[in-house]
Structures are given as structure tokens and as C-alpha cells.
Amino acid sequence: MKESKDKALERALKKKAFGYDAEEVTEEYAAADGEMKLVKRKVTKKNVPPDLSAIRILLEGSGGAETMSDEELEAERARLLALLSERKGGEK
């Protein structure tokens, strides 16, 4: 069980480090004829950019972050953003 929790945590950390797209659903209900009925449903897509702290944690786990300066970490973040942008361009 602990191993699966560790894997789930690692997946979540990688997702945060690389950035991801998320959907937010907002639903509005109103009472009609004694029942609650869906009146409006709005789906908003959001892009969550890569997170520098998550990148740092991943690199610390691989032993690479201790030797990287903040400038190097920012460069890695920019590289990951460019990679993400490149991948999104190929999906369209």
C-alpha cells in the first residue's frame, strides 16, 4: 500500500512540475416544480504552468538540484515550458 501511495505522490509531483490542463465545471441549479433542475453549466479549461518548487523537489530526488543555481533552475523551467508548448503544438 505504501508503495502505491509513493507512486501516486510521484505522479502528482511530476504533473505539477511539467504543468497540466484542467477543467473546472460550474453548475447552477434552480427549483422548478418542487425539483432542483440544472439551469446553467459552464466548463472552463485552465492551463496550470510548470511549478519551480516541484521541479526543484524532483531534481533533489535525482541528486541534481543541490548543484543547480536558481538561474539554472529557471532555465530548466523555461526548457520544460518550451517542451510543453512544443507538445501542445503537435496535438492540434
PDB file of N, CA and C in Angstrom:
ATOM      1  N   MET A   1       0.830  -1.195   0.000  1.00  0.00           N
ATOM      2  CA  MET A   1       0.000   0.000   0.000  1.00  0.00           C
ATOM      3  C   MET A   1       0.869   1.251   0.000  1.00  0.00           C
ATOM      4  N   LYS A   2       1.940   1.260   0.793  1.00  0.00           N
ATOM      5  CA  LYS A   2       2.809   2.431   0.857  1.00  0.00           C
ATOM      6  C   LYS A   2       3.450   2.700  -0.488  1.00  0.00           C
ATOM      7  N   GLU A   3       3.829   1.653  -1.191  1.00  0.00           N
ATOM      8  CA  GLU A   3       4.458   1.848  -2.495  1.00  0.00           C
ATOM      9  C   GLU A   3       3.501   2.519  -3.472  1.00  0.00           C
ATOM     10  N   SER A   4       2.234   2.141  -3.452  1.00  0.00           N
ATOM     11  CA  SER A   4       1.280   2.755  -4.364  1.00  0.00           C
ATOM     12  C   SER A   4       1.044   4.225  -3.990  1.00  0.00           C
ATOM     13  N   LYS A   5       1.081   4.553  -2.698  1.00  0.00           N
ATOM     14  CA  LYS A   5       0.957   5.946  -2.275  1.00  0.00           C
ATOM     15  C   LYS A   5       2.168   6.746  -2.745  1.00  0.00           C
ATOM     16  N   ASP A   6       3.354   6.145  -2.638  1.00  0.00           N
ATOM     17  CA  ASP A   6       4.568   6.811  -3.100  1.00  0.00           C
ATOM     18  C   ASP A   6       4.506   7.059  -4.598  1.00  0.00           C
ATOM     19  N   LYS A   7       4.025   6.095  -5.343  1.00  0.00           N
ATOM     20  CA  LYS A   7       3.899   6.240  -6.802  1.00  0.00           C
ATOM     21  C   LYS A   7       2.885   7.333  -7.140  1.00  0.00           C
ATOM     22  N   ALA A   8       1.778   7.362  -6.410  1.00  0.00           N
ATOM     23  CA  ALA A   8       0.757   8.389  -6.647  1.00  0.00           C
ATOM     24  C   ALA A   8       1.323   9.776  -6.347  1.00  0.00           C
ATOM     25  N   LEU A   9       2.085   9.885  -5.274  1.00  0.00           N
ATOM     26  CA  LEU A   9       2.711  11.156  -4.916  1.00  0.00           C
ATOM     27  C   LEU A   9       3.717  11.579  -5.987  1.00  0.00           C
ATOM     28  N   GLU A  10       4.493  10.643  -6.469  1.00  0.00           N
ATOM     29  CA  GLU A  10       5.475  10.941  -7.519  1.00  0.00           C
ATOM     30  C   GLU A  10       4.774  11.399  -8.801  1.00  0.00           C
ATOM     31  N   ARG A  11       3.677  10.729  -9.168  1.00  0.00           N
ATOM     32  CA  ARG A  11       2.915  11.127 -10.369  1.00  0.00           C
ATOM     33  C   ARG A  11       2.370  12.543 -10.210  1.00  0.00           C
ATOM     34  N   ALA A  12       1.832  12.841  -9.020  1.00  0.00           N
ATOM     35  CA  ALA A  12       1.281  14.180  -8.770  1.00  0.00           C
ATOM     36  C   ALA A  12       2.377  15.242  -8.825  1.00  0.00           C
ATOM     37  N   LEU A  13       3.537  14.927  -8.283  1.00  0.00           N
ATOM     38  CA  LEU A  13       4.655  15.864  -8.298  1.00  0.00           C
ATOM     39  C   LEU A  13       5.138  16.104  -9.725  1.00  0.00           C
ATOM     40  N   LYS A  14       5.215  15.054 -10.524  1.00  0.00           N
ATOM     41  CA  LYS A  14       5.635  15.200 -11.928  1.00  0.00           C
ATOM     42  C   LYS A  14       4.616  16.027 -12.700  1.00  0.00           C
ATOM     43  N   LYS A  15       3.342  15.786 -12.431  1.00  0.00           N
ATOM     44  CA  LYS A  15       2.288  16.557 -13.100  1.00  0.00           C
ATOM     45  C   LYS A  15       2.448  18.036 -12.787  1.00  0.00           C
ATOM     46  N   LYS A  16       2.700  18.360 -11.521  1.00  0.00           N
ATOM     47  CA  LYS A  16       2.883  19.745 -11.093  1.00  0.00           C
ATOM     48  C   LYS A  16       4.159  20.334 -11.705  1.00  0.00           C
ATOM     49  N   ALA A  17       5.221  19.534 -11.795  1.00  0.00           N
ATOM     50  CA  ALA A  17       6.496  20.010 -12.334  1.00  0.00           C
ATOM     51  C   ALA A  17       6.407  20.297 -13.840  1.00  0.00           C
ATOM     52  N   PHE A  18       5.662  19.493 -14.574  1.00  0.00           N
ATOM     53  CA  PHE A  18       5.561  19.668 -16.024  1.00  0.00           C
ATOM     54  C   PHE A  18       4.410  20.582 -16.427  1.00  0.00           C
ATOM     55  N   GLY A  19       3.482  20.846 -15.504  1.00  0.00           N
ATOM     56  CA  GLY A  19       2.300  21.632 -15.841  1.00  0.00           C
ATOM     57  C   GLY A  19       1.233  20.725 -16.421  1.00  0.00           C
ATOM     58  N   TYR A  20       0.006  21.203 -16.428  1.00  0.00           N
ATOM     59  CA  TYR A  20      -1.097  20.376 -16.932  1.00  0.00           C
ATOM     60  C   TYR A  20      -2.300  21.245 -17.261  1.00  0.00           C
ATOM     61  N   ASP A  21      -3.257  20.659 -17.961  1.00  0.00           N
ATOM     62  CA  ASP A  21      -4.522  21.317 -18.268  1.00  0.00           C
ATOM     63  C   ASP A  21      -5.592  20.735 -17.356  1.00  0.00           C
ATOM     64  N   ALA A  22      -6.497  21.588 -16.929  1.00  0.00           N
ATOM     65  CA  ALA A  22      -7.564  21.148 -16.037  1.00  0.00           C
ATOM     66  C   ALA A  22      -8.883  21.762 -16.481  1.00  0.00           C
ATOM     67  N   GLU A  23      -9.971  21.071 -16.186  1.00  0.00           N
ATOM     68  CA  GLU A  23     -11.311  21.584 -16.469  1.00  0.00           C
ATOM     69  C   GLU A  23     -12.000  21.895 -15.151  1.00  0.00           C
ATOM     70  N   GLU A  24     -12.653  23.040 -15.125  1.00  0.00           N
ATOM     71  CA  GLU A  24     -13.425  23.433 -13.951  1.00  0.00           C
ATOM     72  C   GLU A  24     -14.885  23.526 -14.380  1.00  0.00           C
ATOM     73  N   VAL A  25     -15.746  22.790 -13.700  1.00  0.00           N
ATOM     74  CA  VAL A  25     -17.167  22.754 -14.049  1.00  0.00           C
ATOM     75  C   VAL A  25     -17.961  23.502 -12.984  1.00  0.00           C
ATOM     76  N   THR A  26     -18.770  24.468 -13.437  1.00  0.00           N
ATOM     77  CA  THR A  26     -19.647  25.219 -12.550  1.00  0.00           C
ATOM     78  C   THR A  26     -21.083  24.958 -12.991  1.00  0.00           C
ATOM     79  N   GLU A  27     -21.903  24.476 -12.057  1.00  0.00           N
ATOM     80  CA  GLU A  27     -23.299  24.188 -12.374  1.00  0.00           C
ATOM     81  C   GLU A  27     -24.210  25.043 -11.503  1.00  0.00           C
ATOM     82  N   GLU A  28     -25.268  25.529 -12.118  1.00  0.00           N
ATOM     83  CA  GLU A  28     -26.234  26.365 -11.401  1.00  0.00           C
ATOM     84  C   GLU A  28     -27.589  25.657 -11.460  1.00  0.00           C
ATOM     85  N   TYR A  29     -28.211  25.502 -10.302  1.00  0.00           N
ATOM     86  CA  TYR A  29     -29.499  24.824 -10.201  1.00  0.00           C
ATOM     87  C   TYR A  29     -30.568  25.799  -9.727  1.00  0.00           C
ATOM     88  N   ALA A  30     -31.811  25.507 -10.098  1.00  0.00           N
ATOM     89  CA  ALA A  30     -32.948  26.305  -9.641  1.00  0.00           C
ATOM     90  C   ALA A  30     -34.109  25.354  -9.347  1.00  0.00           C
ATOM     91  N   ALA A  31     -34.952  25.760  -8.407  1.00  0.00           N
ATOM     92  CA  ALA A  31     -36.117  24.949  -8.062  1.00  0.00           C
ATOM     93  C   ALA A  31     -37.215  25.193  -9.089  1.00  0.00           C
ATOM     94  N   ALA A  32     -37.694  24.092  -9.675  1.00  0.00           N
ATOM     95  CA  ALA A  32     -38.791  24.164 -10.642  1.00  0.00           C
ATOM     96  C   ALA A  32     -39.705  22.970 -10.391  1.00  0.00           C
ATOM     97  N   ASP A  33     -40.966  23.259 -10.148  1.00  0.00           N
ATOM     98  CA  ASP A  33     -41.950  22.207  -9.865  1.00  0.00           C
ATOM     99  C   ASP A  33     -41.528  21.332  -8.682  1.00  0.00           C
ATOM    100  N   GLY A  34     -40.942  21.942  -7.680  1.00  0.00           N
ATOM    101  CA  GLY A  34     -40.558  21.209  -6.482  1.00  0.00           C
ATOM    102  C   GLY A  34     -39.284  20.393  -6.641  1.00  0.00           C
ATOM    103  N   GLU A  35     -38.623  20.482  -7.776  1.00  0.00           N
ATOM    104  CA  GLU A  35     -37.388  19.732  -8.009  1.00  0.00           C
ATOM    105  C   GLU A  35     -36.266  20.698  -8.376  1.00  0.00           C
ATOM    106  N   MET A  36     -35.072  20.290  -8.062  1.00  0.00           N
ATOM    107  CA  MET A  36     -33.914  21.084  -8.461  1.00  0.00           C
ATOM    108  C   MET A  36     -33.529  20.670  -9.883  1.00  0.00           C
ATOM    109  N   LYS A  37     -33.479  21.647 -10.774  1.00  0.00           N
ATOM    110  CA  LYS A  37     -33.129  21.369 -12.171  1.00  0.00           C
ATOM    111  C   LYS A  37     -31.902  22.185 -12.552  1.00  0.00           C
ATOM    112  N   LEU A  38     -31.088  21.569 -13.380  1.00  0.00           N
ATOM    113  CA  LEU A  38     -29.885  22.230 -13.878  1.00  0.00           C
ATOM    114  C   LEU A  38     -30.296  23.348 -14.826  1.00  0.00           C
ATOM    115  N   VAL A  39     -29.849  24.563 -14.506  1.00  0.00           N
ATOM    116  CA  VAL A  39     -30.192  25.724 -15.313  1.00  0.00           C
ATOM    117  C   VAL A  39     -29.027  26.112 -16.224  1.00  0.00           C
ATOM    118  N   LYS A  40     -27.833  26.067 -15.659  1.00  0.00           N
ATOM    119  CA  LYS A  40     -26.670  26.500 -16.415  1.00  0.00           C
ATOM    120  C   LYS A  40     -25.471  25.643 -16.032  1.00  0.00           C
ATOM    121  N   ARG A  41     -24.670  25.282 -17.034  1.00  0.00           N
ATOM    122  CA  ARG A  41     -23.449  24.505 -16.799  1.00  0.00           C
ATOM    123  C   ARG A  41     -22.330  25.152 -17.596  1.00  0.00           C
ATOM    124  N   LYS A  42     -21.255  25.506 -16.920  1.00  0.00           N
ATOM    125  CA  LYS A  42     -20.139  26.173 -17.580  1.00  0.00           C
ATOM    126  C   LYS A  42     -18.873  25.351 -17.342  1.00  0.00           C
ATOM    127  N   VAL A  43     -18.175  25.029 -18.434  1.00  0.00           N
ATOM    128  CA  VAL A  43     -16.921  24.292 -18.353  1.00  0.00           C
ATOM    129  C   VAL A  43     -15.803  25.241 -18.785  1.00  0.00           C
ATOM    130  N   THR A  44     -14.856  25.442 -17.898  1.00  0.00           N
ATOM    131  CA  THR A  44     -13.731  26.321 -18.170  1.00  0.00           C
ATOM    132  C   THR A  44     -12.460  25.484 -18.182  1.00  0.00           C
ATOM    133  N   LYS A  45     -11.672  25.632 -19.251  1.00  0.00           N
ATOM    134  CA  LYS A  45     -10.394  24.927 -19.331  1.00  0.00           C
ATOM    135  C   LYS A  45      -9.305  25.877 -18.866  1.00  0.00           C
ATOM    136  N   LYS A  46      -8.443  25.351 -18.007  1.00  0.00           N
ATOM    137  CA  LYS A  46      -7.350  26.149 -17.460  1.00  0.00           C
ATOM    138  C   LYS A  46      -6.035  25.419 -17.675  1.00  0.00           C
ATOM    139  N   ASN A  47      -4.983  26.209 -17.928  1.00  0.00           N
ATOM    140  CA  ASN A  47      -3.646  25.648 -18.028  1.00  0.00           C
ATOM    141  C   ASN A  47      -2.899  26.013 -16.757  1.00  0.00           C
ATOM    142  N   VAL A  48      -2.382  24.998 -16.089  1.00  0.00           N
ATOM    143  CA  VAL A  48      -1.571  25.210 -14.896  1.00  0.00           C
ATOM    144  C   VAL A  48      -0.119  25.060 -15.335  1.00  0.00           C
ATOM    145  N   PRO A  49       0.673  26.149 -15.284  1.00  0.00           N
ATOM    146  CA  PRO A  49       2.048  26.090 -15.779  1.00  0.00           C
ATOM    147  C   PRO A  49       2.951  25.272 -14.860  1.00  0.00           C
ATOM    148  N   PRO A  50       4.114  24.872 -15.364  1.00  0.00           N
ATOM    149  CA  PRO A  50       5.072  24.142 -14.524  1.00  0.00           C
ATOM    150  C   PRO A  50       5.421  24.937 -13.277  1.00  0.00           C
ATOM    151  N   ASP A  51       5.662  24.231 -12.191  1.00  0.00           N
ATOM    152  CA  ASP A  51       5.942  24.855 -10.904  1.00  0.00           C
ATOM    153  C   ASP A  51       7.417  24.653 -10.535  1.00  0.00           C
ATOM    154  N   LEU A  52       8.110  25.759 -10.288  1.00  0.00           N
ATOM    155  CA  LEU A  52       9.539  25.715  -9.989  1.00  0.00           C
ATOM    156  C   LEU A  52       9.849  24.901  -8.737  1.00  0.00           C
ATOM    157  N   SER A  53       9.020  24.995  -7.730  1.00  0.00           N
ATOM    158  CA  SER A  53       9.252  24.236  -6.492  1.00  0.00           C
ATOM    159  C   SER A  53       9.152  22.729  -6.739  1.00  0.00           C
ATOM    160  N   ALA A  54       8.195  22.322  -7.550  1.00  0.00           N
ATOM    161  CA  ALA A  54       8.048  20.896  -7.864  1.00  0.00           C
ATOM    162  C   ALA A  54       9.246  20.410  -8.672  1.00  0.00           C
ATOM    163  N   ILE A  55       9.719  21.245  -9.587  1.00  0.00           N
ATOM    164  CA  ILE A  55      10.906  20.884 -10.367  1.00  0.00           C
ATOM    165  C   ILE A  55      12.087  20.692  -9.431  1.00  0.00           C
ATOM    166  N   ARG A  56      12.241  21.614  -8.484  1.00  0.00           N
ATOM    167  CA  ARG A  56      13.350  21.540  -7.530  1.00  0.00           C
ATOM    168  C   ARG A  56      13.269  20.249  -6.714  1.00  0.00           C
ATOM    169  N   ILE A  57      12.078  19.888  -6.250  1.00  0.00           N
ATOM    170  CA  ILE A  57      11.916  18.659  -5.457  1.00  0.00           C
ATOM    171  C   ILE A  57      12.281  17.433  -6.283  1.00  0.00           C
ATOM    172  N   LEU A  58      11.842  17.404  -7.533  1.00  0.00           N
ATOM    173  CA  LEU A  58      12.179  16.270  -8.400  1.00  0.00           C
ATOM    174  C   LEU A  58      13.683  16.185  -8.627  1.00  0.00           C
ATOM    175  N   LEU A  59      14.304  17.324  -8.840  1.00  0.00           N
ATOM    176  CA  LEU A  59      15.747  17.322  -9.065  1.00  0.00           C
ATOM    177  C   LEU A  59      16.512  16.936  -7.803  1.00  0.00           C
ATOM    178  N   GLU A  60      16.014  17.332  -6.644  1.00  0.00           N
ATOM    179  CA  GLU A  60      16.659  16.936  -5.391  1.00  0.00           C
ATOM    180  C   GLU A  60      16.619  15.427  -5.230  1.00  0.00           C
ATOM    181  N   GLY A  61      15.512  14.833  -5.638  1.00  0.00           N
ATOM    182  CA  GLY A  61      15.384  13.382  -5.567  1.00  0.00           C
ATOM    183  C   GLY A  61      16.364  12.671  -6.479  1.00  0.00           C
ATOM    184  N   SER A  62      16.746  13.332  -7.578  1.00  0.00           N
ATOM    185  CA  SER A  62      17.691  12.718  -8.505  1.00  0.00           C
ATOM    186  C   SER A  62      19.117  13.165  -8.204  1.00  0.00           C
ATOM    187  N   GLY A  63      19.280  14.041  -7.202  1.00  0.00           N
ATOM    188  CA  GLY A  63      20.606  14.495  -6.823  1.00  0.00           C
ATOM    189  C   GLY A  63      21.103  15.664  -7.655  1.00  0.00           C
ATOM    190  N   GLY A  64      20.269  16.216  -8.543  1.00  0.00           N
ATOM    191  CA  GLY A  64      20.725  17.269  -9.429  1.00  0.00           C
ATOM    192  C   GLY A  64      20.502  18.674  -8.918  1.00  0.00           C
ATOM    193  N   ALA A  65      19.542  18.903  -8.067  1.00  0.00           N
ATOM    194  CA  ALA A  65      19.190  20.263  -7.661  1.00  0.00           C
ATOM    195  C   ALA A  65      20.212  20.885  -6.712  1.00  0.00           C
ATOM    196  N   GLU A  66      20.921  20.061  -5.939  1.00  0.00           N
ATOM    197  CA  GLU A  66      21.871  20.630  -4.996  1.00  0.00           C
ATOM    198  C   GLU A  66      22.969  21.409  -5.708  1.00  0.00           C
ATOM    199  N   THR A  67      23.279  21.013  -6.925  1.00  0.00           N
ATOM    200  CA  THR A  67      24.356  21.686  -7.656  1.00  0.00           C
ATOM    201  C   THR A  67      23.831  22.752  -8.603  1.00  0.00           C
ATOM    202  N   MET A  68      22.506  22.905  -8.700  1.00  0.00           N
ATOM    203  CA  MET A  68      21.932  23.881  -9.624  1.00  0.00           C
ATOM    204  C   MET A  68      21.616  25.185  -8.909  1.00  0.00           C
ATOM    205  N   SER A  69      21.962  26.285  -9.570  1.00  0.00           N
ATOM    206  CA  SER A  69      21.640  27.606  -9.025  1.00  0.00           C
ATOM    207  C   SER A  69      20.187  27.943  -9.379  1.00  0.00           C
ATOM    208  N   ASP A  70      19.695  29.037  -8.813  1.00  0.00           N
ATOM    209  CA  ASP A  70      18.340  29.480  -9.136  1.00  0.00           C
ATOM    210  C   ASP A  70      18.222  29.800 -10.624  1.00  0.00           C
ATOM    211  N   GLU A  71      19.291  30.362 -11.207  1.00  0.00           N
ATOM    212  CA  GLU A  71      19.274  30.670 -12.636  1.00  0.00           C
ATOM    213  C   GLU A  71      19.174  29.393 -13.466  1.00  0.00           C
ATOM    214  N   GLU A  72      19.895  28.350 -13.057  1.00  0.00           N
ATOM    215  CA  GLU A  72      19.825  27.072 -13.766  1.00  0.00           C
ATOM    216  C   GLU A  72      18.442  26.441 -13.628  1.00  0.00           C
ATOM    217  N   LEU A  73      17.855  26.566 -12.449  1.00  0.00           N
ATOM    218  CA  LEU A  73      16.508  26.039 -12.246  1.00  0.00           C
ATOM    219  C   LEU A  73      15.500  26.797 -13.110  1.00  0.00           C
ATOM    220  N   GLU A  74      15.650  28.123 -13.202  1.00  0.00           N
ATOM    221  CA  GLU A  74      14.768  28.919 -14.075  1.00  0.00           C
ATOM    222  C   GLU A  74      14.944  28.499 -15.532  1.00  0.00           C
ATOM    223  N   ALA A  75      16.184  28.227 -15.939  1.00  0.00           N
ATOM    224  CA  ALA A  75      16.450  27.776 -17.315  1.00  0.00           C
ATOM    225  C   ALA A  75      15.786  26.421 -17.557  1.00  0.00           C
ATOM    226  N   GLU A  76      15.831  25.532 -16.569  1.00  0.00           N
ATOM    227  CA  GLU A  76      15.175  24.227 -16.696  1.00  0.00           C
ATOM    228  C   GLU A  76      13.669  24.397 -16.791  1.00  0.00           C
ATOM    229  N   ARG A  77      13.127  25.324 -16.014  1.00  0.00           N
ATOM    230  CA  ARG A  77      11.693  25.607 -16.079  1.00  0.00           C
ATOM    231  C   ARG A  77      11.320  26.109 -17.477  1.00  0.00           C
ATOM    232  N   ALA A  78      12.137  27.020 -18.029  1.00  0.00           N
ATOM    233  CA  ALA A  78      11.880  27.543 -19.373  1.00  0.00           C
ATOM    234  C   ALA A  78      11.965  26.425 -20.405  1.00  0.00           C
ATOM    235  N   ARG A  79      12.928  25.518 -20.233  1.00  0.00           N
ATOM    236  CA  ARG A  79      13.063  24.381 -21.156  1.00  0.00           C
ATOM    237  C   ARG A  79      11.818  23.496 -21.105  1.00  0.00           C
ATOM    238  N   LEU A  80      11.331  23.237 -19.890  1.00  0.00           N
ATOM    239  CA  LEU A  80      10.139  22.404 -19.742  1.00  0.00           C
ATOM    240  C   LEU A  80       8.903  23.088 -20.326  1.00  0.00           C
ATOM    241  N   LEU A  81       8.786  24.404 -20.134  1.00  0.00           N
ATOM    242  CA  LEU A  81       7.674  25.148 -20.731  1.00  0.00           C
ATOM    243  C   LEU A  81       7.718  25.077 -22.251  1.00  0.00           C
ATOM    244  N   ALA A  82       8.918  25.209 -22.821  1.00  0.00           N
ATOM    245  CA  ALA A  82       9.066  25.115 -24.271  1.00  0.00           C
ATOM    246  C   ALA A  82       8.701  23.720 -24.760  1.00  0.00           C
ATOM    247  N   LEU A  83       9.110  22.700 -24.025  1.00  0.00           N
ATOM    248  CA  LEU A  83       8.781  21.321 -24.381  1.00  0.00           C
ATOM    249  C   LEU A  83       7.270  21.107 -24.330  1.00  0.00           C
ATOM    250  N   LEU A  84       6.637  21.628 -23.306  1.00  0.00           N
ATOM    251  CA  LEU A  84       5.190  21.513 -23.174  1.00  0.00           C
ATOM    252  C   LEU A  84       4.487  22.220 -24.333  1.00  0.00           C
ATOM    253  N   SER A  85       4.956  23.403 -24.656  1.00  0.00           N
ATOM    254  CA  SER A  85       4.382  24.177 -25.766  1.00  0.00           C
ATOM    255  C   SER A  85       4.554  23.433 -27.081  1.00  0.00           C
ATOM    256  N   GLU A  86       5.710  22.826 -27.261  1.00  0.00           N
ATOM    257  CA  GLU A  86       6.005  22.047 -28.467  1.00  0.00           C
ATOM    258  C   GLU A  86       5.057  20.861 -28.588  1.00  0.00           C
ATOM    259  N   ARG A  87       4.835  20.171 -27.478  1.00  0.00           N
ATOM    260  CA  ARG A  87       3.933  19.006 -27.467  1.00  0.00           C
ATOM    261  C   ARG A  87       2.504  19.427 -27.776  1.00  0.00           C
ATOM    262  N   LYS A  88       2.069  20.552 -27.215  1.00  0.00           N
ATOM    263  CA  LYS A  88       0.715  21.032 -27.458  1.00  0.00           C
ATOM    264  C   LYS A  88       0.537  21.413 -28.917  1.00  0.00           C
ATOM    265  N   GLY A  89       1.582  21.982 -29.521  1.00  0.00           N
ATOM    266  CA  GLY A  89       1.514  22.352 -30.930  1.00  0.00           C
ATOM    267  C   GLY A  89       1.348  21.140 -31.823  1.00  0.00           C
ATOM    268  N   GLY A  90       1.932  20.011 -31.438  1.00  0.00           N
ATOM    269  CA  GLY A  90       1.840  18.773 -32.209  1.00  0.00           C
ATOM    270  C   GLY A  90       0.499  18.085 -32.067  1.00  0.00           C
ATOM    271  N   GLU A  91      -0.248  18.389 -30.995  1.00  0.00           N
ATOM    272  CA  GLU A  91      -1.547  17.746 -30.744  1.00  0.00           C
ATOM    273  C   GLU A  91      -2.657  18.326 -31.606  1.00  0.00           C
ATOM    274  N   LYS A  92      -2.499  19.570 -32.048  1.00  0.00           N
ATOM    275  CA  LYS A  92      -3.580  20.236 -32.769  1.00  0.00           C
ATOM    276  C   LYS A  92      -3.764  19.732 -34.144  1.00  0.00           C
TER     277      LYS A  92
END
